């Protein structure tokens, strides 16, 4: 891991088109700004881990946890994943009309 020191308003450049700037330092918290092309996804680590957990929850049959990931708005499932989730919740007797309505919002 490369470790660099920066002051407020100083930046780090990654490659040719990603710029990370220290926006504010307040106590033990640092606010950063990230300028990156739109084809590069940027997430906080906890959000990334949650996104990565959705397929795992789904494949293990943990449909309630997978549904909670969707509710947090951090994952956009494909139609196959939605069908599997809907069927899994239905098999568990957990597919209410409210949940059906929420799942329909993900259908594009």
Foldseek 3Di string as FASTA:
>chain_A
DDDDDDDAQDWDDDDDFWIKGFHDDDPPDTDIDIGGDPVDDDDDPVLVVLQVCLVVCLVVLVLVSNLVSVVVVSYQDDPVSLVSSQVSCVVVVNNDPVSVVSSVVSDD
